[in-house]
Amino acid sequence: MTSRDASILTSIEPVATGTNFGDRSAFSVDVEEWFQVGAFENTLHREDWPSLESRVERQTHKVLELLDRHRVKGTFFCLGWVVERHPLLIKAIHDAGHEVACHGRDHKRLFTMTRGQFLQDVAGAKAQLEDATGVAVKGYRAPSFSLRPDTWWAYECLEELGFHYSSSIYPIQHDHYGMPEAPRRPFWPIGAGRILEVPMSVYRLGRAWPASGGGYFRLLPYMLGKGLFSLSVRQSGLPGVFYMHPWEMDPGQPYVENAPWLSRFRHYTNQARMAKKVGRLCDSRKWARMDEIYGGMFAQAGQAGNP
């Protein structure tokens, strides 16, 4: 970490210890096509996407049906690329009582864009989502958790565009993403007073261990994945933030044989078991949308002008 990075991470105001968020954890879904994942970015190129089989609609409806059975409401971070092609899917998510939030337009990582390109990307996706649902979009999640100290300007852009919160930082070390030096508590970035950052859940034991779900939850035995999430909540005293992708519950999706073996392992392993595991997790604790859990903080920021 550079000295500049360190100074940025000290220019934040963590949410006060003792803030009561209730006893619910946040259930979130990153809505994207199976071929838009980072694991395949060097194998399936963007110009290939229009010719590949779209499965996001059936995959997401499967998630909606599962959450409905278990009476869980969550937050769906959706790509503009998806709403362009499946606007009725986004409306169905909203009509089912879930929060629709923004995941950018087409899964570009933040550090591949200039500030101007990022503004254009997110403004367009936000407008598309709001047109599909008729309600204001409050939340944003960076593709592949790609918000880093050198893209801290993104918070100012999000504030300019009318967002209330971001969930774009994973405080772990990973070969594709992560900011292990970032705080675990939600915080207000200085200079973007009305944007609350809600980091993903980790469990600290010597180092930070991923506890927010995603591929880790799918790959690990259920009791270990659930245990890490529960330990994270207990250790931090904060609501947990769980996430998954619709493609993780679709063992019938095409197999990319020429992808690196590690990418194939991460992407395809245990897809047939994921729905059952998620269902068990849904029944293990109380869940809510992110705007419900953190809505009081947004109101506070709006009244005060700054946290």
C-alpha atoms as a PDB file:
ATOM      1  CA  MET A   1       0.000   0.000   0.000  1.00  0.00           C
ATOM      2  CA  THR A   2       1.411   3.402  -0.972  1.00  0.00           C
ATOM      3  CA  SER A   3       1.484   6.426   1.346  1.00  0.00           C
ATOM      4  CA  ARG A   4      -1.215   7.990  -0.835  1.00  0.00           C
ATOM      5  CA  ASP A   5      -3.397   4.912  -0.391  1.00  0.00           C
ATOM      6  CA  ALA A   6      -2.855   5.037   3.368  1.00  0.00           C
ATOM      7  CA  SER A   7      -3.826   8.713   3.538  1.00  0.00           C
ATOM      8  CA  ILE A   8      -7.032   8.029   1.598  1.00  0.00           C
ATOM      9  CA  LEU A   9      -8.026   5.243   3.956  1.00  0.00           C
ATOM     10  CA  THR A  10      -7.555   7.534   6.963  1.00  0.00           C
ATOM     11  CA  SER A  11      -9.770  10.171   5.306  1.00  0.00           C
ATOM     12  CA  ILE A  12     -12.944   8.342   6.206  1.00  0.00           C
ATOM     13  CA  GLU A  13     -15.442   8.494   9.020  1.00  0.00           C
ATOM     14  CA  PRO A  14     -16.576   5.056  10.222  1.00  0.00           C
ATOM     15  CA  VAL A  15     -20.158   4.681  11.366  1.00  0.00           C
ATOM     16  CA  ALA A  16     -20.204   5.072  15.129  1.00  0.00           C
ATOM     17  CA  THR A  17     -19.675   1.973  17.259  1.00  0.00           C
ATOM     18  CA  GLY A  18     -22.962   1.039  18.845  1.00  0.00           C
ATOM     19  CA  THR A  19     -25.074   2.129  15.869  1.00  0.00           C
ATOM     20  CA  ASN A  20     -28.155  -0.101  15.902  1.00  0.00           C
ATOM     21  CA  PHE A  21     -28.774  -1.696  12.510  1.00  0.00           C
ATOM     22  CA  GLY A  22     -31.127  -4.330  13.875  1.00  0.00           C
ATOM     23  CA  ASP A  23     -30.652  -8.090  13.763  1.00  0.00           C
ATOM     24  CA  ARG A  24     -31.028  -8.600  10.007  1.00  0.00           C
ATOM     25  CA  SER A  25     -28.297  -9.336   7.471  1.00  0.00           C
ATOM     26  CA  ALA A  26     -28.270  -8.131   3.872  1.00  0.00           C
ATOM     27  CA  PHE A  27     -28.981 -10.626   1.078  1.00  0.00           C
ATOM     28  CA  SER A  28     -27.663  -9.428  -2.286  1.00  0.00           C
ATOM     29  CA  VAL A  29     -27.510 -10.753  -5.838  1.00  0.00           C
ATOM     30  CA  ASP A  30     -25.212  -9.517  -8.627  1.00  0.00           C
ATOM     31  CA  VAL A  31     -27.279  -9.868 -11.807  1.00  0.00           C
ATOM     32  CA  GLU A  32     -25.052 -10.553 -14.808  1.00  0.00           C
ATOM     33  CA  GLU A  33     -24.743 -13.102 -17.601  1.00  0.00           C
ATOM     34  CA  TRP A  34     -22.672 -16.244 -17.069  1.00  0.00           C
ATOM     35  CA  PHE A  35     -20.170 -15.071 -19.705  1.00  0.00           C
ATOM     36  CA  GLN A  36     -19.564 -11.641 -18.136  1.00  0.00           C
ATOM     37  CA  VAL A  37     -17.646 -12.913 -15.119  1.00  0.00           C
ATOM     38  CA  GLY A  38     -14.048 -11.936 -14.484  1.00  0.00           C
ATOM     39  CA  ALA A  39     -12.951 -15.576 -14.689  1.00  0.00           C
ATOM     40  CA  PHE A  40     -13.703 -15.622 -18.431  1.00  0.00           C
ATOM     41  CA  GLU A  41     -12.604 -12.095 -19.376  1.00  0.00           C
ATOM     42  CA  ASN A  42      -9.473 -13.340 -21.169  1.00  0.00           C
ATOM     43  CA  THR A  43     -11.320 -16.174 -22.919  1.00  0.00           C
ATOM     44  CA  LEU A  44     -14.720 -14.747 -23.882  1.00  0.00           C
ATOM     45  CA  HIS A  45     -14.258 -11.233 -25.221  1.00  0.00           C
ATOM     46  CA  ARG A  46     -16.840  -8.478 -25.179  1.00  0.00           C
ATOM     47  CA  GLU A  47     -17.327  -8.661 -28.919  1.00  0.00           C
ATOM     48  CA  ASP A  48     -18.344 -12.318 -28.415  1.00  0.00           C
ATOM     49  CA  TRP A  49     -21.136 -11.549 -25.939  1.00  0.00           C
ATOM     50  CA  PRO A  50     -23.995 -10.884 -28.414  1.00  0.00           C
ATOM     51  CA  SER A  51     -23.444 -14.314 -30.007  1.00  0.00           C
ATOM     52  CA  LEU A  52     -23.468 -16.253 -26.707  1.00  0.00           C
ATOM     53  CA  GLU A  53     -26.549 -17.859 -25.203  1.00  0.00           C
ATOM     54  CA  SER A  54     -28.367 -15.553 -22.800  1.00  0.00           C
ATOM     55  CA  ARG A  55     -29.432 -17.388 -19.634  1.00  0.00           C
ATOM     56  CA  VAL A  56     -29.708 -14.564 -17.113  1.00  0.00           C
ATOM     57  CA  GLU A  57     -33.498 -14.355 -17.334  1.00  0.00           C
ATOM     58  CA  ARG A  58     -34.178 -17.986 -16.425  1.00  0.00           C
ATOM     59  CA  GLN A  59     -31.352 -17.973 -13.876  1.00  0.00           C
ATOM     60  CA  THR A  60     -32.660 -14.888 -12.083  1.00  0.00           C
ATOM     61  CA  HIS A  61     -36.237 -16.153 -12.028  1.00  0.00           C
ATOM     62  CA  LYS A  62     -34.898 -19.268 -10.323  1.00  0.00           C
ATOM     63  CA  VAL A  63     -33.351 -17.059  -7.637  1.00  0.00           C
ATOM     64  CA  LEU A  64     -36.588 -15.083  -7.294  1.00  0.00           C
ATOM     65  CA  GLU A  65     -38.579 -18.282  -6.840  1.00  0.00           C
ATOM     66  CA  LEU A  66     -36.141 -19.566  -4.215  1.00  0.00           C
ATOM     67  CA  LEU A  67     -36.239 -16.321  -2.220  1.00  0.00           C
ATOM     68  CA  ASP A  68     -40.025 -16.233  -2.435  1.00  0.00           C
ATOM     69  CA  ARG A  69     -40.258 -19.756  -1.005  1.00  0.00           C
ATOM     70  CA  HIS A  70     -38.064 -18.759   1.915  1.00  0.00           C
ATOM     71  CA  ARG A  71     -39.714 -15.339   2.367  1.00  0.00           C
ATOM     72  CA  VAL A  72     -36.495 -13.404   1.863  1.00  0.00           C
ATOM     73  CA  LYS A  73     -36.212  -9.928   0.356  1.00  0.00           C
ATOM     74  CA  GLY A  74     -32.864  -8.710  -0.902  1.00  0.00           C
ATOM     75  CA  THR A  75     -30.987  -6.260  -3.094  1.00  0.00           C
ATOM     76  CA  PHE A  76     -30.273  -7.070  -6.752  1.00  0.00           C
ATOM     77  CA  PHE A  77     -27.300  -5.213  -8.256  1.00  0.00           C
ATOM     78  CA  CYS A  78     -28.112  -5.264 -11.978  1.00  0.00           C
ATOM     79  CA  LEU A  79     -26.038  -4.492 -15.060  1.00  0.00           C
ATOM     80  CA  GLY A  80     -27.308  -1.967 -17.578  1.00  0.00           C
ATOM     81  CA  TRP A  81     -26.344  -4.528 -20.234  1.00  0.00           C
ATOM     82  CA  VAL A  82     -28.981  -6.860 -18.766  1.00  0.00           C
ATOM     83  CA  VAL A  83     -31.756  -4.282 -18.446  1.00  0.00           C
ATOM     84  CA  GLU A  84     -31.222  -3.246 -22.084  1.00  0.00           C
ATOM     85  CA  ARG A  85     -32.081  -6.775 -23.183  1.00  0.00           C
ATOM     86  CA  HIS A  86     -34.432  -7.890 -20.403  1.00  0.00           C
ATOM     87  CA  PRO A  87     -36.293  -4.854 -19.010  1.00  0.00           C
ATOM     88  CA  LEU A  88     -39.207  -7.017 -17.866  1.00  0.00           C
ATOM     89  CA  LEU A  89     -36.801  -9.074 -15.735  1.00  0.00           C
ATOM     90  CA  ILE A  90     -35.754  -5.953 -13.839  1.00  0.00           C
ATOM     91  CA  LYS A  91     -39.404  -5.013 -13.366  1.00  0.00           C
ATOM     92  CA  ALA A  92     -40.119  -8.535 -12.070  1.00  0.00           C
ATOM     93  CA  ILE A  93     -37.359  -8.148  -9.473  1.00  0.00           C
ATOM     94  CA  HIS A  94     -38.881  -4.865  -8.323  1.00  0.00           C
ATOM     95  CA  ASP A  95     -42.453  -6.189  -8.374  1.00  0.00           C
ATOM     96  CA  ALA A  96     -41.381  -9.118  -6.165  1.00  0.00           C
ATOM     97  CA  GLY A  97     -40.451  -6.634  -3.435  1.00  0.00           C
ATOM     98  CA  HIS A  98     -36.675  -6.598  -3.869  1.00  0.00           C
ATOM     99  CA  GLU A  99     -34.453  -3.541  -4.130  1.00  0.00           C
ATOM    100  CA  VAL A 100     -33.031  -2.891  -7.606  1.00  0.00           C
ATOM    101  CA  ALA A 101     -29.526  -1.395  -7.435  1.00  0.00           C
ATOM    102  CA  CYS A 102     -26.798  -0.631  -9.982  1.00  0.00           C
ATOM    103  CA  HIS A 103     -23.825  -2.790 -10.986  1.00  0.00           C
ATOM    104  CA  GLY A 104     -22.605  -0.525 -13.795  1.00  0.00           C
ATOM    105  CA  ARG A 105     -23.310  -0.985 -17.472  1.00  0.00           C
ATOM    106  CA  ASP A 106     -21.259  -3.922 -18.730  1.00  0.00           C
ATOM    107  CA  HIS A 107     -19.035  -5.139 -15.883  1.00  0.00           C
ATOM    108  CA  LYS A 108     -15.996  -2.975 -16.597  1.00  0.00           C
ATOM    109  CA  ARG A 109     -13.711  -2.687 -13.591  1.00  0.00           C
ATOM    110  CA  LEU A 110     -13.419   0.844 -12.234  1.00  0.00           C
ATOM    111  CA  PHE A 111      -9.656   1.090 -12.698  1.00  0.00           C
ATOM    112  CA  THR A 112     -10.055   0.498 -16.449  1.00  0.00           C
ATOM    113  CA  MET A 113     -12.099   3.728 -16.793  1.00  0.00           C
ATOM    114  CA  THR A 114     -11.435   7.424 -16.461  1.00  0.00           C
ATOM    115  CA  ARG A 115     -13.625   9.517 -14.187  1.00  0.00           C
ATOM    116  CA  GLY A 116     -15.597  10.753 -17.188  1.00  0.00           C
ATOM    117  CA  GLN A 117     -16.098   7.243 -18.549  1.00  0.00           C
ATOM    118  CA  PHE A 118     -17.254   6.046 -15.138  1.00  0.00           C
ATOM    119  CA  LEU A 119     -19.804   8.860 -14.860  1.00  0.00           C
ATOM    120  CA  GLN A 120     -21.179   8.023 -18.291  1.00  0.00           C
ATOM    121  CA  ASP A 121     -21.232   4.280 -17.552  1.00  0.00           C
ATOM    122  CA  VAL A 122     -23.059   4.514 -14.232  1.00  0.00           C
ATOM    123  CA  ALA A 123     -25.379   7.375 -15.164  1.00  0.00           C
ATOM    124  CA  GLY A 124     -26.611   5.395 -18.171  1.00  0.00           C
ATOM    125  CA  ALA A 125     -27.139   2.184 -16.213  1.00  0.00           C
ATOM    126  CA  LYS A 126     -28.924   4.009 -13.374  1.00  0.00           C
ATOM    127  CA  ALA A 127     -31.298   5.702 -15.820  1.00  0.00           C
ATOM    128  CA  GLN A 128     -32.104   2.386 -17.510  1.00  0.00           C
ATOM    129  CA  LEU A 129     -32.880   0.715 -14.182  1.00  0.00           C
ATOM    130  CA  GLU A 130     -35.082   3.601 -13.077  1.00  0.00           C
ATOM    131  CA  ASP A 131     -36.960   3.524 -16.384  1.00  0.00           C
ATOM    132  CA  ALA A 132     -37.607  -0.194 -15.913  1.00  0.00           C
ATOM    133  CA  THR A 133     -38.845   0.071 -12.315  1.00  0.00           C
ATOM    134  CA  GLY A 134     -40.170   3.604 -11.954  1.00  0.00           C
ATOM    135  CA  VAL A 135     -38.269   4.131  -8.681  1.00  0.00           C
ATOM    136  CA  ALA A 136     -35.006   5.850  -7.772  1.00  0.00           C
ATOM    137  CA  VAL A 137     -31.898   3.650  -7.592  1.00  0.00           C
ATOM    138  CA  LYS A 138     -30.001   4.215  -4.320  1.00  0.00           C
ATOM    139  CA  GLY A 139     -27.276   1.547  -4.292  1.00  0.00           C
ATOM    140  CA  TYR A 140     -24.190   0.748  -6.348  1.00  0.00           C
ATOM    141  CA  ARG A 141     -21.724  -2.144  -6.378  1.00  0.00           C
ATOM    142  CA  ALA A 142     -18.537  -1.980  -8.426  1.00  0.00           C
ATOM    143  CA  PRO A 143     -17.981  -4.927 -10.788  1.00  0.00           C
ATOM    144  CA  SER A 144     -15.531  -7.372  -9.200  1.00  0.00           C
ATOM    145  CA  PHE A 145     -15.274  -5.138  -6.095  1.00  0.00           C
ATOM    146  CA  SER A 146     -12.926  -2.944  -8.120  1.00  0.00           C
ATOM    147  CA  LEU A 147     -13.168   0.245  -6.086  1.00  0.00           C
ATOM    148  CA  ARG A 148      -9.600   0.943  -4.909  1.00  0.00           C
ATOM    149  CA  PRO A 149      -7.677   3.878  -3.396  1.00  0.00           C
ATOM    150  CA  ASP A 150      -6.724   5.017  -6.913  1.00  0.00           C
ATOM    151  CA  THR A 151     -10.425   5.158  -7.884  1.00  0.00           C
ATOM    152  CA  TRP A 152     -11.602   6.951  -4.722  1.00  0.00           C
ATOM    153  CA  TRP A 153     -13.053   9.651  -6.985  1.00  0.00           C
ATOM    154  CA  ALA A 154     -15.876   7.208  -7.711  1.00  0.00           C
ATOM    155  CA  TYR A 155     -17.585   8.262  -4.474  1.00  0.00           C
ATOM    156  CA  GLU A 156     -17.815  11.860  -5.645  1.00  0.00           C
ATOM    157  CA  CYS A 157     -19.307  10.618  -8.927  1.00  0.00           C
ATOM    158  CA  LEU A 158     -21.860   8.456  -7.096  1.00  0.00           C
ATOM    159  CA  GLU A 159     -22.879  11.410  -4.938  1.00  0.00           C
ATOM    160  CA  GLU A 160     -23.235  13.601  -8.038  1.00  0.00           C
ATOM    161  CA  LEU A 161     -25.501  10.965  -9.616  1.00  0.00           C
ATOM    162  CA  GLY A 162     -27.787  10.757  -6.588  1.00  0.00           C
ATOM    163  CA  PHE A 163     -26.757   7.423  -5.067  1.00  0.00           C
ATOM    164  CA  HIS A 164     -27.038   6.887  -1.316  1.00  0.00           C
ATOM    165  CA  TYR A 165     -24.675   3.985  -0.742  1.00  0.00           C
ATOM    166  CA  SER A 166     -22.035   1.719  -2.244  1.00  0.00           C
ATOM    167  CA  SER A 167     -21.133  -1.888  -1.438  1.00  0.00           C
ATOM    168  CA  SER A 168     -17.964  -2.070  -3.508  1.00  0.00           C
ATOM    169  CA  ILE A 169     -15.113  -3.014  -1.162  1.00  0.00           C
ATOM    170  CA  TYR A 170     -14.106  -6.503  -0.029  1.00  0.00           C
ATOM    171  CA  PRO A 171     -11.522  -6.184   2.800  1.00  0.00           C
ATOM    172  CA  ILE A 172      -9.552  -9.297   1.780  1.00  0.00           C
ATOM    173  CA  GLN A 173      -6.557 -10.209  -0.360  1.00  0.00           C
ATOM    174  CA  HIS A 174      -7.539 -11.988  -3.592  1.00  0.00           C
ATOM    175  CA  ASP A 175      -5.916 -12.425  -6.981  1.00  0.00           C
ATOM    176  CA  HIS A 176      -8.806 -10.655  -8.728  1.00  0.00           C
ATOM    177  CA  TYR A 177      -9.921  -8.058  -6.181  1.00  0.00           C
ATOM    178  CA  GLY A 178      -9.755  -6.959  -2.556  1.00  0.00           C
ATOM    179  CA  MET A 179      -8.584  -4.149  -0.278  1.00  0.00           C
ATOM    180  CA  PRO A 180      -7.360  -5.936   2.870  1.00  0.00           C
ATOM    181  CA  GLU A 181      -6.427  -2.668   4.587  1.00  0.00           C
ATOM    182  CA  ALA A 182      -9.987  -1.299   4.299  1.00  0.00           C
ATOM    183  CA  PRO A 183     -12.207  -1.110   7.404  1.00  0.00           C
ATOM    184  CA  ARG A 184     -14.923  -3.657   8.080  1.00  0.00           C
ATOM    185  CA  ARG A 185     -17.379  -1.094   9.455  1.00  0.00           C
ATOM    186  CA  PRO A 186     -19.556   0.943   7.098  1.00  0.00           C
ATOM    187  CA  PHE A 187     -17.961   4.345   6.560  1.00  0.00           C
ATOM    188  CA  TRP A 188     -18.474   7.759   4.992  1.00  0.00           C
ATOM    189  CA  PRO A 189     -15.726   8.684   2.485  1.00  0.00           C
ATOM    190  CA  ILE A 190     -14.556  12.233   3.176  1.00  0.00           C
ATOM    191  CA  GLY A 191     -15.589  14.481   0.300  1.00  0.00           C
ATOM    192  CA  ALA A 192     -18.693  12.452  -0.540  1.00  0.00           C
ATOM    193  CA  GLY A 193     -20.760  13.110   2.551  1.00  0.00           C
ATOM    194  CA  ARG A 194     -23.956  11.426   1.440  1.00  0.00           C
ATOM    195  CA  ILE A 195     -22.423   8.146   0.231  1.00  0.00           C
ATOM    196  CA  LEU A 196     -22.215   5.306   2.739  1.00  0.00           C
ATOM    197  CA  GLU A 197     -19.768   2.500   1.906  1.00  0.00           C
ATOM    198  CA  VAL A 198     -20.879  -0.904   3.200  1.00  0.00           C
ATOM    199  CA  PRO A 199     -17.932  -3.331   2.939  1.00  0.00           C
ATOM    200  CA  MET A 200     -18.447  -7.037   2.415  1.00  0.00           C
ATOM    201  CA  SER A 201     -18.257  -9.355   5.428  1.00  0.00           C
ATOM    202  CA  VAL A 202     -14.964 -10.885   6.537  1.00  0.00           C
ATOM    203  CA  TYR A 203     -13.841 -12.919   9.540  1.00  0.00           C
ATOM    204  CA  ARG A 204     -10.477 -12.009  11.057  1.00  0.00           C
ATOM    205  CA  LEU A 205      -8.319 -14.788  12.453  1.00  0.00           C
ATOM    206  CA  GLY A 206      -4.685 -13.901  11.833  1.00  0.00           C
ATOM    207  CA  ARG A 207      -5.808 -12.471   8.501  1.00  0.00           C
ATOM    208  CA  ALA A 208      -9.109 -11.533   6.875  1.00  0.00           C
ATOM    209  CA  TRP A 209     -11.080 -14.539   5.638  1.00  0.00           C
ATOM    210  CA  PRO A 210     -13.878 -14.115   3.067  1.00  0.00           C
ATOM    211  CA  ALA A 211     -17.287 -14.612   4.664  1.00  0.00           C
ATOM    212  CA  SER A 212     -19.737 -12.943   2.265  1.00  0.00           C
ATOM    213  CA  GLY A 213     -20.711 -15.890   0.129  1.00  0.00           C
ATOM    214  CA  GLY A 214     -20.185 -15.852  -3.621  1.00  0.00           C
ATOM    215  CA  GLY A 215     -17.840 -18.501  -4.972  1.00  0.00           C
ATOM    216  CA  TYR A 216     -16.465 -19.251  -1.510  1.00  0.00           C
ATOM    217  CA  PHE A 217     -19.887 -20.259  -0.230  1.00  0.00           C
ATOM    218  CA  ARG A 218     -20.511 -22.415  -3.311  1.00  0.00           C
ATOM    219  CA  LEU A 219     -17.108 -24.133  -3.166  1.00  0.00           C
ATOM    220  CA  LEU A 220     -16.877 -24.714   0.589  1.00  0.00           C
ATOM    221  CA  PRO A 221     -18.941 -27.254   2.551  1.00  0.00           C
ATOM    222  CA  TYR A 222     -22.203 -25.651   3.693  1.00  0.00           C
ATOM    223  CA  MET A 223     -21.406 -25.669   7.416  1.00  0.00           C
ATOM    224  CA  LEU A 224     -18.044 -23.976   6.815  1.00  0.00           C
ATOM    225  CA  GLY A 225     -19.515 -21.282   4.565  1.00  0.00           C
ATOM    226  CA  LYS A 226     -22.399 -20.644   6.951  1.00  0.00           C
ATOM    227  CA  GLY A 227     -20.024 -20.753   9.918  1.00  0.00           C
ATOM    228  CA  LEU A 228     -17.712 -18.104   8.466  1.00  0.00           C
ATOM    229  CA  PHE A 229     -20.672 -15.829   7.803  1.00  0.00           C
ATOM    230  CA  SER A 230     -22.041 -16.316  11.332  1.00  0.00           C
ATOM    231  CA  LEU A 231     -18.613 -15.775  12.903  1.00  0.00           C
ATOM    232  CA  SER A 232     -18.184 -12.581  10.909  1.00  0.00           C
ATOM    233  CA  VAL A 233     -21.501 -11.205  12.157  1.00  0.00           C
ATOM    234  CA  ARG A 234     -20.714 -12.150  15.740  1.00  0.00           C
ATOM    235  CA  GLN A 235     -17.157 -10.789  15.638  1.00  0.00           C
ATOM    236  CA  SER A 236     -18.028  -7.462  14.027  1.00  0.00           C
ATOM    237  CA  GLY A 237     -21.376  -6.853  15.701  1.00  0.00           C
ATOM    238  CA  LEU A 238     -22.605  -5.702  12.285  1.00  0.00           C
ATOM    239  CA  PRO A 239     -25.167  -6.997   9.795  1.00  0.00           C
ATOM    240  CA  GLY A 240     -23.593  -9.523   7.463  1.00  0.00           C
ATOM    241  CA  VAL A 241     -23.561  -8.875   3.713  1.00  0.00           C
ATOM    242  CA  PHE A 242     -24.098 -12.021   1.627  1.00  0.00           C
ATOM    243  CA  TYR A 243     -23.910 -12.072  -2.167  1.00  0.00           C
ATOM    244  CA  MET A 244     -24.362 -14.538  -5.004  1.00  0.00           C
ATOM    245  CA  HIS A 245     -24.893 -14.612  -8.781  1.00  0.00           C
ATOM    246  CA  PRO A 246     -27.821 -16.163 -10.668  1.00  0.00           C
ATOM    247  CA  TRP A 247     -25.436 -18.203 -12.853  1.00  0.00           C
ATOM    248  CA  GLU A 248     -24.187 -20.036  -9.752  1.00  0.00           C
ATOM    249  CA  MET A 249     -27.458 -22.017  -9.644  1.00  0.00           C
ATOM    250  CA  ASP A 250     -27.421 -23.075 -13.315  1.00  0.00           C
ATOM    251  CA  PRO A 251     -25.516 -26.313 -14.009  1.00  0.00           C
ATOM    252  CA  GLY A 252     -26.944 -26.347 -17.550  1.00  0.00           C
ATOM    253  CA  GLN A 253     -24.981 -23.337 -18.776  1.00  0.00           C
ATOM    254  CA  PRO A 254     -22.398 -23.770 -21.563  1.00  0.00           C
ATOM    255  CA  TYR A 255     -18.987 -25.124 -20.602  1.00  0.00           C
ATOM    256  CA  VAL A 256     -16.001 -22.999 -21.671  1.00  0.00           C
ATOM    257  CA  GLU A 257     -13.398 -25.677 -22.359  1.00  0.00           C
ATOM    258  CA  ASN A 258     -10.593 -23.318 -23.370  1.00  0.00           C
ATOM    259  CA  ALA A 259     -10.732 -21.258 -20.156  1.00  0.00           C
ATOM    260  CA  PRO A 260      -7.870 -21.778 -17.645  1.00  0.00           C
ATOM    261  CA  TRP A 261      -8.482 -24.749 -15.346  1.00  0.00           C
ATOM    262  CA  LEU A 262      -8.634 -22.541 -12.238  1.00  0.00           C
ATOM    263  CA  SER A 263     -11.279 -20.340 -13.858  1.00  0.00           C
ATOM    264  CA  ARG A 264     -13.314 -23.417 -14.810  1.00  0.00           C
ATOM    265  CA  PHE A 265     -12.988 -24.838 -11.295  1.00  0.00           C
ATOM    266  CA  ARG A 266     -14.104 -21.606  -9.664  1.00  0.00           C
ATOM    267  CA  HIS A 267     -16.981 -21.071 -12.050  1.00  0.00           C
ATOM    268  CA  TYR A 268     -18.565 -24.507 -12.430  1.00  0.00           C
ATOM    269  CA  THR A 269     -17.947 -26.364  -9.170  1.00  0.00           C
ATOM    270  CA  ASN A 270     -21.057 -27.156  -7.080  1.00  0.00           C
ATOM    271  CA  GLN A 271     -23.546 -25.244  -9.234  1.00  0.00           C
ATOM    272  CA  ALA A 272     -26.026 -28.119  -8.894  1.00  0.00           C
ATOM    273  CA  ARG A 273     -25.813 -27.865  -5.086  1.00  0.00           C
ATOM    274  CA  MET A 274     -26.012 -24.099  -4.773  1.00  0.00           C
ATOM    275  CA  ALA A 275     -29.807 -23.707  -4.646  1.00  0.00           C
ATOM    276  CA  LYS A 276     -30.153 -26.112  -1.731  1.00  0.00           C
ATOM    277  CA  LYS A 277     -27.291 -24.446   0.143  1.00  0.00           C
ATOM    278  CA  VAL A 278     -28.741 -20.975  -0.371  1.00  0.00           C
ATOM    279  CA  GLY A 279     -32.149 -22.178   0.754  1.00  0.00           C
ATOM    280  CA  ARG A 280     -30.672 -23.522   3.987  1.00  0.00           C
ATOM    281  CA  LEU A 281     -28.850 -20.260   4.545  1.00  0.00           C
ATOM    282  CA  CYS A 282     -32.063 -18.296   3.980  1.00  0.00           C
ATOM    283  CA  ASP A 283     -33.696 -20.240   6.811  1.00  0.00           C
ATOM    284  CA  SER A 284     -30.728 -19.792   9.167  1.00  0.00           C
ATOM    285  CA  ARG A 285     -31.213 -16.091  10.004  1.00  0.00           C
ATOM    286  CA  LYS A 286     -33.206 -12.931   9.246  1.00  0.00           C
ATOM    287  CA  TRP A 287     -32.508 -11.140   5.959  1.00  0.00           C
ATOM    288  CA  ALA A 288     -33.419  -7.787   4.422  1.00  0.00           C
ATOM    289  CA  ARG A 289     -32.728  -5.395   1.580  1.00  0.00           C
ATOM    290  CA  MET A 290     -29.722  -3.134   1.962  1.00  0.00           C
ATOM    291  CA  ASP A 291     -31.813   0.031   1.725  1.00  0.00           C
ATOM    292  CA  GLU A 292     -33.945  -1.236   4.627  1.00  0.00           C
ATOM    293  CA  ILE A 293     -30.974  -2.000   6.876  1.00  0.00           C
ATOM    294  CA  TYR A 294     -29.058   1.218   6.191  1.00  0.00           C
ATOM    295  CA  GLY A 295     -31.924   3.568   5.296  1.00  0.00           C
ATOM    296  CA  GLY A 296     -31.707   5.395   8.603  1.00  0.00           C
ATOM    297  CA  MET A 297     -28.110   6.323   7.848  1.00  0.00           C
ATOM    298  CA  PHE A 298     -29.093   7.776   4.459  1.00  0.00           C
ATOM    299  CA  ALA A 299     -31.740   9.925   6.133  1.00  0.00           C
ATOM    300  CA  GLN A 300     -29.220  11.128   8.717  1.00  0.00           C
ATOM    301  CA  ALA A 301     -26.761  12.151   6.005  1.00  0.00           C
ATOM    302  CA  GLY A 302     -29.453  13.958   4.059  1.00  0.00           C
ATOM    303  CA  GLN A 303     -30.560  15.969   7.095  1.00  0.00           C
ATOM    304  CA  ALA A 304     -27.044  16.831   8.211  1.00  0.00           C
ATOM    305  CA  GLY A 305     -25.513  17.426   4.779  1.00  0.00           C
ATOM    306  CA  ASN A 306     -22.476  15.466   5.982  1.00  0.00           C
ATOM    307  CA  PRO A 307     -22.054  12.527   8.360  1.00  0.00           C
END
